[in-house]
Amino acid sequence: MKWSKTVLTVLSIAMVGVVALGLTSTAAFAQTTAQANVTINALVQSTCLISPATVGFGTYSGTQIQVASSISVTCTNGTTYNVGLNAGQTGGSVSTRAMAGPNSNVLPYKLFKDGGYSINWGNTIGTDTLAQTGNGAAQPLPVYGEIAAGQYPQAGSYSDTVIATITY
């Protein structure tokens, strides 16, 4: 095939244009970057949640009854806390609480921190509360209840409300 001088000139100009466009194109898309630190922060406060228990003695017929239940406590990891149980609503004390029944009758009972039913659970920090350290998960704290044998109040339904207080 025979090439003419005009065709070769056009091809030469086209090649120079492609090379020039290639250099211009690369320079137009060149990128630069910069970086900066983004600070992320939060303050975690010590907090605790408490879910009280129901201590159900069932039917009492004059013989000793011992039962166990538990209070659930959830505190932030590493938070120390104390749980106390007050004397209840019926006029007892933290060492001998009382459930109210019919005609102002009462049925005394006790609450303990241990399964041996020997360590009273009261409401004075450093004396008779239960001290623990939170781990971020729900922690069951056993509550042991006892009604002593030999009590014969009037027949009927007896109850009390004890307030559980968590101090952290």
Protein backbone atom coordinates (compact mmCIF):
# COMPACT_ATOMS: atom_id res chain seq x y z
CA MET A 1 0.00 0.00 0.00
CA LYS A 2 1.25 3.40 -0.92
CA TRP A 3 0.97 6.25 1.57
CA SER A 4 0.67 9.78 0.61
CA LYS A 5 2.47 12.59 2.31
CA THR A 6 -0.81 14.14 3.49
CA VAL A 7 -1.94 10.93 5.20
CA LEU A 8 1.42 10.56 6.98
CA THR A 9 1.28 14.18 8.17
CA VAL A 10 -2.24 13.70 9.55
CA LEU A 11 -1.13 10.50 11.29
CA SER A 12 1.87 12.29 12.79
CA ILE A 13 -0.30 15.15 14.07
CA ALA A 14 -2.83 12.65 15.49
CA MET A 15 -0.04 10.75 17.32
CA VAL A 16 1.33 13.96 18.83
CA GLY A 17 -2.22 14.87 19.92
CA VAL A 18 -2.70 11.45 21.57
CA VAL A 19 0.59 11.72 23.42
CA ALA A 20 -0.22 15.27 24.47
CA LEU A 21 -3.69 14.27 25.59
CA GLY A 22 -2.23 11.37 27.55
CA LEU A 23 0.09 13.69 29.49
CA THR A 24 -2.62 16.24 30.06
CA SER A 25 -5.09 13.55 31.10
CA THR A 26 -2.70 12.12 33.72
CA ALA A 27 -1.94 15.54 35.14
CA ALA A 28 -5.66 16.39 35.39
CA PHE A 29 -6.42 13.32 37.52
CA ALA A 30 -3.43 13.47 39.84
CA GLN A 31 -4.61 13.29 43.49
CA THR A 32 -3.13 14.44 46.73
CA THR A 33 -4.23 13.27 50.19
CA ALA A 34 -4.18 14.65 53.67
CA GLN A 35 -4.99 12.91 56.93
CA ALA A 36 -6.27 14.02 60.32
CA ASN A 37 -7.06 12.19 63.54
CA VAL A 38 -10.70 11.99 64.56
CA THR A 39 -10.97 11.79 68.34
CA ILE A 40 -13.72 9.55 69.68
CA ASN A 41 -14.53 9.59 73.38
CA ALA A 42 -17.19 8.75 75.96
CA LEU A 43 -17.53 8.87 79.72
CA VAL A 44 -18.90 5.71 81.33
CA GLN A 45 -20.49 6.46 84.67
CA SER A 46 -20.82 3.91 87.43
CA THR A 47 -24.37 2.70 87.47
CA CYS A 48 -26.33 -0.13 89.02
CA LEU A 49 -29.75 -1.67 88.48
CA ILE A 50 -31.50 -3.84 91.04
CA SER A 51 -34.40 -6.25 90.55
CA PRO A 52 -35.82 -7.41 93.87
CA ALA A 53 -37.01 -10.88 94.62
CA THR A 54 -40.11 -12.51 95.98
CA VAL A 55 -39.48 -14.65 99.04
CA GLY A 56 -42.40 -17.06 99.11
CA PHE A 57 -42.69 -19.15 102.27
CA GLY A 58 -45.71 -21.09 101.09
CA THR A 59 -48.00 -22.55 103.75
CA TYR A 60 -46.87 -22.32 107.36
CA SER A 61 -48.22 -24.84 109.85
CA GLY A 62 -46.06 -24.26 112.91
CA THR A 63 -42.91 -26.02 111.69
CA GLN A 64 -39.76 -24.22 110.63
CA ILE A 65 -39.65 -23.10 107.00
CA GLN A 66 -36.44 -22.11 105.22
CA VAL A 67 -36.53 -20.81 101.64
CA ALA A 68 -34.15 -19.20 99.17
CA SER A 69 -34.66 -16.57 96.51
CA SER A 70 -32.39 -13.99 94.88
CA ILE A 71 -32.07 -10.34 94.04
CA SER A 72 -30.55 -9.52 90.66
CA VAL A 73 -27.99 -6.70 90.50
CA THR A 74 -26.31 -5.37 87.37
CA CYS A 75 -23.51 -2.81 87.84
CA THR A 76 -20.87 -1.44 85.51
CA ASN A 77 -17.69 -3.47 85.53
CA GLY A 78 -15.53 -2.72 88.58
CA THR A 79 -18.22 -0.78 90.48
CA THR A 80 -18.32 -1.71 94.15
CA TYR A 81 -21.74 -1.75 95.75
CA ASN A 82 -23.66 -2.66 98.90
CA VAL A 83 -27.18 -4.06 99.03
CA GLY A 84 -29.23 -3.60 102.16
CA LEU A 85 -32.68 -4.84 103.15
CA ASN A 86 -34.75 -2.65 105.44
CA ALA A 87 -36.95 -3.81 108.35
CA GLY A 88 -40.07 -4.04 106.20
CA GLN A 89 -43.43 -2.29 106.45
CA THR A 90 -44.93 -4.12 109.41
CA GLY A 91 -42.94 -2.66 112.28
CA GLY A 92 -40.35 -5.37 112.77
CA SER A 93 -36.61 -4.84 112.88
CA VAL A 94 -33.87 -5.92 110.49
CA SER A 95 -33.08 -8.82 112.81
CA THR A 96 -36.70 -9.97 113.21
CA ARG A 97 -39.07 -8.79 110.53
CA ALA A 98 -42.80 -9.45 110.63
CA MET A 99 -45.51 -10.13 108.07
CA ALA A 100 -48.89 -8.53 108.74
CA GLY A 101 -51.96 -10.72 108.80
CA PRO A 102 -55.63 -10.58 109.73
CA ASN A 103 -56.76 -8.57 112.77
CA SER A 104 -53.32 -6.99 113.30
CA ASN A 105 -51.68 -10.40 113.82
CA VAL A 106 -48.06 -10.76 112.72
CA LEU A 107 -45.87 -13.66 111.67
CA PRO A 108 -42.18 -13.04 112.46
CA TYR A 109 -39.51 -14.07 109.94
CA LYS A 110 -35.83 -13.47 109.28
CA LEU A 111 -33.73 -12.77 106.17
CA PHE A 112 -30.13 -13.93 105.84
CA LYS A 113 -27.19 -13.48 103.48
CA ASP A 114 -25.95 -17.07 103.81
CA GLY A 115 -27.32 -20.54 103.19
CA GLY A 116 -26.53 -21.47 106.78
CA TYR A 117 -29.27 -19.03 107.90
CA SER A 118 -26.92 -17.41 110.40
CA ILE A 119 -25.77 -14.04 108.93
CA ASN A 120 -28.53 -11.45 109.18
CA TRP A 121 -29.20 -9.24 106.16
CA GLY A 122 -29.86 -5.68 107.29
CA ASN A 123 -29.47 -2.16 106.01
CA THR A 124 -26.34 -0.71 107.67
CA ILE A 125 -23.34 -0.49 105.30
CA GLY A 126 -20.26 -2.08 106.81
CA THR A 127 -22.33 -4.02 109.34
CA ASP A 128 -25.03 -6.19 107.77
CA THR A 129 -25.33 -5.34 104.05
CA LEU A 130 -23.96 -7.47 101.24
CA ALA A 131 -20.91 -5.99 99.47
CA GLN A 132 -19.93 -7.00 95.92
CA THR A 133 -18.18 -5.69 92.82
CA GLY A 134 -20.05 -5.40 89.54
CA ASN A 135 -18.87 -7.23 86.45
CA GLY A 136 -21.19 -5.69 83.86
CA ALA A 137 -23.57 -8.67 83.93
CA ALA A 138 -26.55 -9.54 86.10
CA GLN A 139 -25.36 -10.98 89.41
CA PRO A 140 -27.83 -12.99 91.49
CA LEU A 141 -27.56 -12.28 95.22
CA PRO A 142 -29.20 -15.06 97.25
CA VAL A 143 -31.74 -14.12 99.91
CA TYR A 144 -32.45 -16.79 102.51
CA GLY A 145 -35.66 -16.55 104.51
CA GLU A 146 -36.75 -18.39 107.64
CA ILE A 147 -39.89 -18.65 109.74
CA ALA A 148 -39.13 -20.26 113.09
CA ALA A 149 -41.12 -23.22 114.38
CA GLY A 150 -43.68 -22.92 117.14
CA GLN A 151 -45.63 -19.84 116.04
CA TYR A 152 -49.41 -20.03 115.85
CA PRO A 153 -50.91 -16.70 114.81
CA GLN A 154 -54.46 -16.44 113.48
CA ALA A 155 -55.08 -18.31 110.23
CA GLY A 156 -55.02 -16.19 107.09
CA SER A 157 -52.74 -14.56 104.57
CA TYR A 158 -49.62 -12.73 105.80
CA SER A 159 -47.28 -10.44 103.87
CA ASP A 160 -44.65 -7.76 104.18
CA THR A 161 -42.70 -5.52 101.81
CA VAL A 162 -38.97 -5.11 102.35
CA ILE A 163 -37.12 -2.41 100.44
CA ALA A 164 -33.82 -3.44 98.88
CA THR A 165 -31.40 -0.51 98.57
CA ILE A 166 -28.23 -0.54 96.48
CA THR A 167 -25.51 1.93 97.34
CA TYR A 168 -22.60 2.37 94.90
